[in-house]
C-alpha atoms as a PDB file:
ATOM      1  CA  MET A   1     -16.834 159.091 -87.354  1.00  0.00           C
ATOM      2  CA  SER A   2     -19.992 157.636 -85.910  1.00  0.00           C
ATOM      3  CA  THR A   3     -22.255 155.317 -87.852  1.00  0.00           C
ATOM      4  CA  ALA A   4     -24.980 157.958 -87.943  1.00  0.00           C
ATOM      5  CA  GLU A   5     -22.588 160.558 -89.383  1.00  0.00           C
ATOM      6  CA  HIS A   6     -21.371 158.103 -91.988  1.00  0.00           C
ATOM      7  CA  ARG A   7     -24.970 157.293 -92.959  1.00  0.00           C
ATOM      8  CA  ARG A   8     -25.814 161.019 -93.286  1.00  0.00           C
ATOM      9  CA  GLN A   9     -22.781 161.622 -95.519  1.00  0.00           C
ATOM     10  CA  ARG A  10     -23.662 158.621 -97.699  1.00  0.00           C
ATOM     11  CA  ASN A  11     -27.278 159.804 -98.027  1.00  0.00           C
ATOM     12  CA  LYS A  12     -26.116 163.333 -98.904  1.00  0.00           C
ATOM     13  CA  ALA A  13     -23.832 161.917-101.609  1.00  0.00           C
ATOM     14  CA  ALA A  14     -26.732 159.866-102.991  1.00  0.00           C
ATOM     15  CA  ASP A  15     -28.904 163.003-103.071  1.00  0.00           C
ATOM     16  CA  ASP A  16     -26.199 164.816-105.038  1.00  0.00           C
ATOM     17  CA  GLU A  17     -26.186 162.098-107.724  1.00  0.00           C
ATOM     18  CA  ASP A  18     -28.775 161.980-110.489  1.00  0.00           C
ATOM     19  CA  ALA A  19     -27.985 160.182-113.752  1.00  0.00           C
ATOM     20  CA  SER A  20     -30.901 161.833-115.549  1.00  0.00           C
ATOM     21  CA  LEU A  21     -29.173 165.178-114.923  1.00  0.00           C
ATOM     22  CA  LEU A  22     -25.681 163.743-115.539  1.00  0.00           C
ATOM     23  CA  LYS A  23     -24.750 164.381-111.903  1.00  0.00           C
ATOM     24  CA  PHE A  24     -22.427 161.661-110.649  1.00  0.00           C
ATOM     25  CA  GLY A  25     -20.397 161.072-107.543  1.00  0.00           C
ATOM     26  CA  PRO A  26     -16.674 161.661-107.196  1.00  0.00           C
ATOM     27  CA  ASP A  27     -15.805 158.269-108.715  1.00  0.00           C
ATOM     28  CA  PHE A  28     -17.045 159.438-112.105  1.00  0.00           C
ATOM     29  CA  THR A  29     -16.112 163.105-112.000  1.00  0.00           C
ATOM     30  CA  ASP A  30     -12.386 162.775-111.439  1.00  0.00           C
ATOM     31  CA  GLY A  31     -11.632 162.651-115.172  1.00  0.00           C
ATOM     32  CA  LYS A  32      -9.841 159.324-114.777  1.00  0.00           C
ATOM     33  CA  THR A  33     -12.873 157.048-114.876  1.00  0.00           C
ATOM     34  CA  ALA A  34     -15.394 156.527-117.649  1.00  0.00           C
ATOM     35  CA  PRO A  35     -18.345 154.140-117.768  1.00  0.00           C
ATOM     36  CA  LEU A  36     -17.785 150.993-119.777  1.00  0.00           C
ATOM     37  CA  THR A  37     -20.323 149.396-122.053  1.00  0.00           C
ATOM     38  CA  ILE A  38     -21.470 145.863-121.343  1.00  0.00           C
ATOM     39  CA  SER A  39     -19.657 144.764-124.506  1.00  0.00           C
ATOM     40  CA  GLU A  40     -16.403 146.319-123.259  1.00  0.00           C
ATOM     41  CA  VAL A  41     -16.763 144.499-119.941  1.00  0.00           C
ATOM     42  CA  MET A  42     -17.332 141.256-121.851  1.00  0.00           C
ATOM     43  CA  ILE A  43     -14.039 141.732-123.736  1.00  0.00           C
ATOM     44  CA  ILE A  44     -12.158 142.507-120.516  1.00  0.00           C
ATOM     45  CA  LEU A  45     -13.542 139.384-118.851  1.00  0.00           C
ATOM     46  CA  GLU A  46     -12.693 137.232-121.877  1.00  0.00           C
ATOM     47  CA  ARG A  47      -9.089 138.454-121.709  1.00  0.00           C
ATOM     48  CA  ARG A  48      -8.944 137.734-118.017  1.00  0.00           C
ATOM     49  CA  ALA A  49     -10.367 134.236-118.525  1.00  0.00           C
ATOM     50  CA  ALA A  50      -7.654 133.556-121.113  1.00  0.00           C
ATOM     51  CA  ASP A  51      -4.932 134.703-118.703  1.00  0.00           C
ATOM     52  CA  GLU A  52      -3.669 131.622-116.887  1.00  0.00           C
ATOM     53  CA  GLN A  53      -2.204 133.732-114.065  1.00  0.00           C
ATOM     54  CA  HIS A  54      -5.687 134.847-112.954  1.00  0.00           C
ATOM     55  CA  PRO A  55      -8.094 132.040-112.173  1.00  0.00           C
ATOM     56  CA  SER A  56     -11.543 132.841-113.499  1.00  0.00           C
ATOM     57  CA  ASP A  57     -13.623 130.159-111.859  1.00  0.00           C
ATOM     58  CA  SER A  58     -15.060 132.127-108.950  1.00  0.00           C
ATOM     59  CA  PRO A  59     -18.864 132.207-108.772  1.00  0.00           C
ATOM     60  CA  VAL A  60     -18.948 136.002-109.108  1.00  0.00           C
ATOM     61  CA  PHE A  61     -16.707 135.950-112.180  1.00  0.00           C
ATOM     62  CA  LEU A  62     -18.778 133.204-113.801  1.00  0.00           C
ATOM     63  CA  LYS A  63     -22.095 134.960-113.096  1.00  0.00           C
ATOM     64  CA  THR A  64     -20.761 138.279-114.356  1.00  0.00           C
ATOM     65  CA  SER A  65     -19.364 136.642-117.478  1.00  0.00           C
ATOM     66  CA  ASP A  66     -22.684 134.923-118.137  1.00  0.00           C
ATOM     67  CA  TYR A  67     -24.519 138.234-117.680  1.00  0.00           C
ATOM     68  CA  VAL A  68     -22.328 140.219-120.064  1.00  0.00           C
ATOM     69  CA  HIS A  69     -22.444 137.476-122.702  1.00  0.00           C
ATOM     70  CA  THR A  70     -26.236 137.527-122.474  1.00  0.00           C
ATOM     71  CA  PHE A  71     -26.659 141.296-122.741  1.00  0.00           C
ATOM     72  CA  ALA A  72     -23.678 142.509-124.798  1.00  0.00           C
ATOM     73  CA  ARG A  73     -24.986 144.064-127.997  1.00  0.00           C
ATOM     74  CA  PHE A  74     -21.636 143.793-129.787  1.00  0.00           C
ATOM     75  CA  GLN A  75     -19.592 140.618-129.630  1.00  0.00           C
ATOM     76  CA  ASP A  76     -16.168 141.252-131.128  1.00  0.00           C
ATOM     77  CA  GLN A  77     -13.493 143.745-130.184  1.00  0.00           C
ATOM     78  CA  ALA A  78     -13.347 145.467-133.579  1.00  0.00           C
ATOM     79  CA  THR A  79     -17.067 146.246-133.502  1.00  0.00           C
ATOM     80  CA  VAL A  80     -16.894 147.405-129.881  1.00  0.00           C
ATOM     81  CA  GLU A  81     -14.095 149.804-130.807  1.00  0.00           C
ATOM     82  CA  GLN A  82     -16.005 151.065-133.854  1.00  0.00           C
ATOM     83  CA  VAL A  83     -19.103 151.725-131.737  1.00  0.00           C
ATOM     84  CA  ARG A  84     -17.132 153.706-129.163  1.00  0.00           C
ATOM     85  CA  THR A  85     -15.438 155.675-131.952  1.00  0.00           C
ATOM     86  CA  LEU A  86     -18.759 156.413-133.663  1.00  0.00           C
ATOM     87  CA  LEU A  87     -20.342 157.732-130.483  1.00  0.00           C
ATOM     88  CA  SER A  88     -17.317 159.668-129.233  1.00  0.00           C
ATOM     89  CA  GLN A  89     -16.316 161.296-132.512  1.00  0.00           C
ATOM     90  CA  THR A  90     -19.550 163.293-132.571  1.00  0.00           C
ATOM     91  CA  GLN A  91     -18.578 164.926-129.273  1.00  0.00           C
ATOM     92  CA  LEU A  92     -22.293 165.279-128.548  1.00  0.00           C
ATOM     93  CA  PHE A  93     -22.515 162.809-125.680  1.00  0.00           C
ATOM     94  CA  GLN A  94     -21.261 162.664-122.130  1.00  0.00           C
ATOM     95  CA  ASP A  95     -19.489 159.401-121.235  1.00  0.00           C
ATOM     96  CA  PHE A  96     -22.575 158.100-119.424  1.00  0.00           C
ATOM     97  CA  GLU A  97     -24.820 158.794-122.412  1.00  0.00           C
ATOM     98  CA  LEU A  98     -22.356 157.116-124.741  1.00  0.00           C
ATOM     99  CA  ALA A  99     -22.292 153.953-122.623  1.00  0.00           C
ATOM    100  CA  GLN A 100     -26.070 153.894-122.299  1.00  0.00           C
ATOM    101  CA  LEU A 101     -26.599 154.341-126.033  1.00  0.00           C
ATOM    102  CA  ALA A 102     -24.214 151.454-126.747  1.00  0.00           C
ATOM    103  CA  ASN A 103     -25.842 149.254-124.082  1.00  0.00           C
ATOM    104  CA  LEU A 104     -29.451 149.962-125.002  1.00  0.00           C
ATOM    105  CA  CYS A 105     -29.204 150.554-128.785  1.00  0.00           C
ATOM    106  CA  PRO A 106     -32.476 152.476-129.014  1.00  0.00           C
ATOM    107  CA  ALA A 107     -34.134 152.247-132.419  1.00  0.00           C
ATOM    108  CA  ASP A 108     -35.229 155.853-132.661  1.00  0.00           C
ATOM    109  CA  ALA A 109     -34.751 159.258-131.059  1.00  0.00           C
ATOM    110  CA  ASP A 110     -37.973 159.065-129.014  1.00  0.00           C
ATOM    111  CA  GLU A 111     -36.918 155.761-127.467  1.00  0.00           C
ATOM    112  CA  ALA A 112     -33.430 157.114-126.755  1.00  0.00           C
ATOM    113  CA  LYS A 113     -34.852 160.172-125.023  1.00  0.00           C
ATOM    114  CA  SER A 114     -37.245 158.145-122.908  1.00  0.00           C
ATOM    115  CA  LEU A 115     -34.481 155.738-121.821  1.00  0.00           C
ATOM    116  CA  ILE A 116     -31.807 158.408-121.364  1.00  0.00           C
ATOM    117  CA  PRO A 117     -33.520 161.583-120.076  1.00  0.00           C
ATOM    118  CA  SER A 118     -30.404 163.727-120.442  1.00  0.00           C
ATOM    119  CA  LEU A 119     -30.824 163.464-124.230  1.00  0.00           C
ATOM    120  CA  SER A 120     -34.257 165.110-124.107  1.00  0.00           C
ATOM    121  CA  GLU A 121     -33.003 168.448-125.444  1.00  0.00           C
ATOM    122  CA  MET A 122     -31.143 166.933-128.391  1.00  0.00           C
ATOM    123  CA  ASP A 123     -32.670 167.510-131.820  1.00  0.00           C
ATOM    124  CA  ASP A 124     -34.170 164.326-133.317  1.00  0.00           C
ATOM    125  CA  ASP A 125     -32.626 165.165-136.693  1.00  0.00           C
ATOM    126  CA  VAL A 126     -29.174 165.073-135.104  1.00  0.00           C
ATOM    127  CA  LEU A 127     -29.744 162.004-132.922  1.00  0.00           C
ATOM    128  CA  GLN A 128     -31.541 159.717-135.382  1.00  0.00           C
ATOM    129  CA  PRO A 129     -28.711 159.332-137.937  1.00  0.00           C
ATOM    130  CA  ILE A 130     -26.318 158.423-135.120  1.00  0.00           C
ATOM    131  CA  LEU A 131     -28.783 155.802-133.837  1.00  0.00           C
ATOM    132  CA  ASN A 132     -29.146 154.426-137.379  1.00  0.00           C
ATOM    133  CA  ASP A 133     -25.356 154.051-137.643  1.00  0.00           C
ATOM    134  CA  LEU A 134     -25.199 152.495-134.174  1.00  0.00           C
ATOM    135  CA  ASN A 135     -27.883 149.945-134.951  1.00  0.00           C
ATOM    136  CA  ALA A 136     -26.146 149.006-138.214  1.00  0.00           C
ATOM    137  CA  PHE A 137     -23.351 147.549-136.053  1.00  0.00           C
ATOM    138  CA  LYS A 138     -25.702 145.144-134.244  1.00  0.00           C
ATOM    139  CA  GLY A 139     -25.719 142.692-137.134  1.00  0.00           C
ATOM    140  CA  GLN A 140     -21.923 142.641-137.418  1.00  0.00           C
ATOM    141  CA  PHE A 141     -20.078 139.860-135.629  1.00  0.00           C
END
């Protein structure tokens, strides 16, 4: 395959993806992969750092670890699990929306809808109580 053909295929794939419409590439539509929250990544990296068989002193690992510790909304594994359970038990959200809600923790339905356009059709009276429950977890850790 020529470089030009490869570039055209990559551009076509990018055109087919649109997070605001919940259209993702094949990596996220195979049913085997789900987006992780920043807090979940933080827990995975902490486990890896504690594993003596896998050195965790590379610059990329250290920068990524610093990033997730800065931006993780939930700090302990129990809270992270409770947040995922809260958002998935409603069965109202796609995996991407669930991860974005947990990462962004919008205060109200209007903010959630402006940050996550795919939620725009959801009724505020349904979304707001879920956001209230989600934000109650922020103070726990």
